[in-house]
Amino acid sequence: MVPRLSVSQISTLNSTFADDIRTYRAAGFDGIGVWELKLPAVGSDAERLELLAESGLESAGAVTLNAAKSLAVTARLSVTRKLPNQRRK
């Protein structure tokens, strides 16, 4: 059995949704982890779904804008928070 592979759009943050779909398919991935923040502001959901369907990629998951904001806040907190065993100077 050959494992199926997908890639998250956050790994190509500066590319467009359409570019990601073309690039991931060309690279041989089977699926895409869609991030709402990468969906174009123009166009309809139907157009985006059609582009995805035509690519042959499967949706491996989706991250909403609210979830993305929560992840960013969590990441910032983990970087700025001192561990209990670290002493302040």
C-alpha atoms as a PDB file:
ATOM      1  CA  MET A   1       0.000   0.000   0.000  1.00  0.00           C
ATOM      2  CA  VAL A   2       1.373   3.410  -0.989  1.00  0.00           C
ATOM      3  CA  PRO A   3       0.841   6.108   1.651  1.00  0.00           C
ATOM      4  CA  ARG A   4      -1.194   9.114   0.623  1.00  0.00           C
ATOM      5  CA  LEU A   5       0.490  12.461   1.257  1.00  0.00           C
ATOM      6  CA  SER A   6      -0.913  15.931   1.743  1.00  0.00           C
ATOM      7  CA  VAL A   7       0.589  19.332   2.446  1.00  0.00           C
ATOM      8  CA  SER A   8      -0.721  22.253   4.470  1.00  0.00           C
ATOM      9  CA  GLN A   9      -1.069  25.599   2.734  1.00  0.00           C
ATOM     10  CA  ILE A  10       0.660  27.307   5.650  1.00  0.00           C
ATOM     11  CA  SER A  11       3.925  25.871   4.313  1.00  0.00           C
ATOM     12  CA  THR A  12       3.628  28.084   1.215  1.00  0.00           C
ATOM     13  CA  LEU A  13       2.191  31.185   2.869  1.00  0.00           C
ATOM     14  CA  ASN A  14       3.211  33.641   0.128  1.00  0.00           C
ATOM     15  CA  SER A  15       1.630  31.646  -2.715  1.00  0.00           C
ATOM     16  CA  THR A  16      -1.960  31.972  -3.866  1.00  0.00           C
ATOM     17  CA  PHE A  17      -4.598  29.291  -3.432  1.00  0.00           C
ATOM     18  CA  ALA A  18      -4.513  28.563  -7.175  1.00  0.00           C
ATOM     19  CA  ASP A  19      -0.697  28.404  -7.212  1.00  0.00           C
ATOM     20  CA  ASP A  20      -0.725  26.033  -4.249  1.00  0.00           C
ATOM     21  CA  ILE A  21      -3.130  23.694  -5.995  1.00  0.00           C
ATOM     22  CA  ARG A  22      -1.024  23.596  -9.162  1.00  0.00           C
ATOM     23  CA  THR A  23       2.252  23.217  -7.252  1.00  0.00           C
ATOM     24  CA  TYR A  24       1.036  20.496  -4.892  1.00  0.00           C
ATOM     25  CA  ARG A  25      -0.495  18.457  -7.709  1.00  0.00           C
ATOM     26  CA  ALA A  26       2.651  18.789  -9.827  1.00  0.00           C
ATOM     27  CA  ALA A  27       4.739  17.674  -6.825  1.00  0.00           C
ATOM     28  CA  GLY A  28       2.658  14.513  -6.532  1.00  0.00           C
ATOM     29  CA  PHE A  29       0.724  15.244  -3.360  1.00  0.00           C
ATOM     30  CA  ASP A  30      -2.684  13.620  -2.914  1.00  0.00           C
ATOM     31  CA  GLY A  31      -4.261  16.243  -0.678  1.00  0.00           C
ATOM     32  CA  ILE A  32      -4.173  19.799   0.553  1.00  0.00           C
ATOM     33  CA  GLY A  33      -4.741  21.270   3.999  1.00  0.00           C
ATOM     34  CA  VAL A  34      -6.721  24.407   3.188  1.00  0.00           C
ATOM     35  CA  TRP A  35      -6.258  27.575   5.233  1.00  0.00           C
ATOM     36  CA  GLU A  36      -9.141  30.039   4.962  1.00  0.00           C
ATOM     37  CA  LEU A  37      -6.749  32.988   5.089  1.00  0.00           C
ATOM     38  CA  LYS A  38      -5.326  31.827   1.732  1.00  0.00           C
ATOM     39  CA  LEU A  39      -8.667  31.755  -0.075  1.00  0.00           C
ATOM     40  CA  PRO A  40      -9.051  34.667  -2.491  1.00  0.00           C
ATOM     41  CA  ALA A  41     -11.345  37.501  -1.422  1.00  0.00           C
ATOM     42  CA  VAL A  42     -12.832  37.622  -4.915  1.00  0.00           C
ATOM     43  CA  GLY A  43     -14.761  34.843  -6.574  1.00  0.00           C
ATOM     44  CA  SER A  44     -17.230  32.377  -5.212  1.00  0.00           C
ATOM     45  CA  ASP A  45     -16.894  29.282  -3.080  1.00  0.00           C
ATOM     46  CA  ALA A  46     -18.185  27.314  -6.076  1.00  0.00           C
ATOM     47  CA  GLU A  47     -15.235  28.531  -8.172  1.00  0.00           C
ATOM     48  CA  ARG A  48     -12.768  27.533  -5.472  1.00  0.00           C
ATOM     49  CA  LEU A  49     -14.372  24.123  -5.072  1.00  0.00           C
ATOM     50  CA  GLU A  50     -14.302  23.604  -8.838  1.00  0.00           C
ATOM     51  CA  LEU A  51     -10.584  24.449  -8.949  1.00  0.00           C
ATOM     52  CA  LEU A  52      -9.931  21.963  -6.158  1.00  0.00           C
ATOM     53  CA  ALA A  53     -12.069  19.252  -7.773  1.00  0.00           C
ATOM     54  CA  GLU A  54     -10.409  19.694 -11.179  1.00  0.00           C
ATOM     55  CA  SER A  55      -6.958  19.328  -9.580  1.00  0.00           C
ATOM     56  CA  GLY A  56      -7.683  15.861  -8.238  1.00  0.00           C
ATOM     57  CA  LEU A  57      -6.403  16.871  -4.800  1.00  0.00           C
ATOM     58  CA  GLU A  58      -8.451  15.873  -1.787  1.00  0.00           C
ATOM     59  CA  SER A  59      -9.095  18.198   1.123  1.00  0.00           C
ATOM     60  CA  ALA A  60      -7.055  16.843   4.018  1.00  0.00           C
ATOM     61  CA  GLY A  61      -8.448  19.444   6.413  1.00  0.00           C
ATOM     62  CA  ALA A  62      -9.284  23.088   6.795  1.00  0.00           C
ATOM     63  CA  VAL A  63      -8.238  25.836   9.193  1.00  0.00           C
ATOM     64  CA  THR A  64     -10.639  28.729   9.677  1.00  0.00           C
ATOM     65  CA  LEU A  65      -9.585  32.334  10.225  1.00  0.00           C
ATOM     66  CA  ASN A  66     -10.566  32.132  13.898  1.00  0.00           C
ATOM     67  CA  ALA A  67      -8.461  29.005  14.386  1.00  0.00           C
ATOM     68  CA  ALA A  68      -5.529  30.621  12.587  1.00  0.00           C
ATOM     69  CA  LYS A  69      -5.749  33.657  14.891  1.00  0.00           C
ATOM     70  CA  SER A  70      -5.860  31.374  17.940  1.00  0.00           C
ATOM     71  CA  LEU A  71      -2.786  29.486  16.710  1.00  0.00           C
ATOM     72  CA  ALA A  72      -0.915  32.766  16.212  1.00  0.00           C
ATOM     73  CA  VAL A  73      -1.754  33.944  19.729  1.00  0.00           C
ATOM     74  CA  THR A  74      -0.695  30.585  21.190  1.00  0.00           C
ATOM     75  CA  ALA A  75       2.598  30.707  19.295  1.00  0.00           C
ATOM     76  CA  ARG A  76       3.293  34.252  20.511  1.00  0.00           C
ATOM     77  CA  LEU A  77       2.527  33.277  24.104  1.00  0.00           C
ATOM     78  CA  SER A  78       4.767  30.226  24.004  1.00  0.00           C
ATOM     79  CA  VAL A  79       7.666  32.342  22.748  1.00  0.00           C
ATOM     80  CA  THR A  80       7.225  35.151  25.264  1.00  0.00           C
ATOM     81  CA  ARG A  81       6.280  33.095  28.337  1.00  0.00           C
ATOM     82  CA  LYS A  82       9.142  32.225  30.653  1.00  0.00           C
ATOM     83  CA  LEU A  83       9.441  28.648  31.850  1.00  0.00           C
ATOM     84  CA  PRO A  84       9.045  28.164  35.632  1.00  0.00           C
ATOM     85  CA  ASN A  85      12.709  27.198  36.088  1.00  0.00           C
ATOM     86  CA  GLN A  86      13.987  30.305  34.305  1.00  0.00           C
ATOM     87  CA  ARG A  87      14.891  33.161  36.626  1.00  0.00           C
ATOM     88  CA  ARG A  88      14.194  36.744  35.736  1.00  0.00           C
ATOM     89  CA  LYS A  89      17.161  39.075  35.821  1.00  0.00           C
END
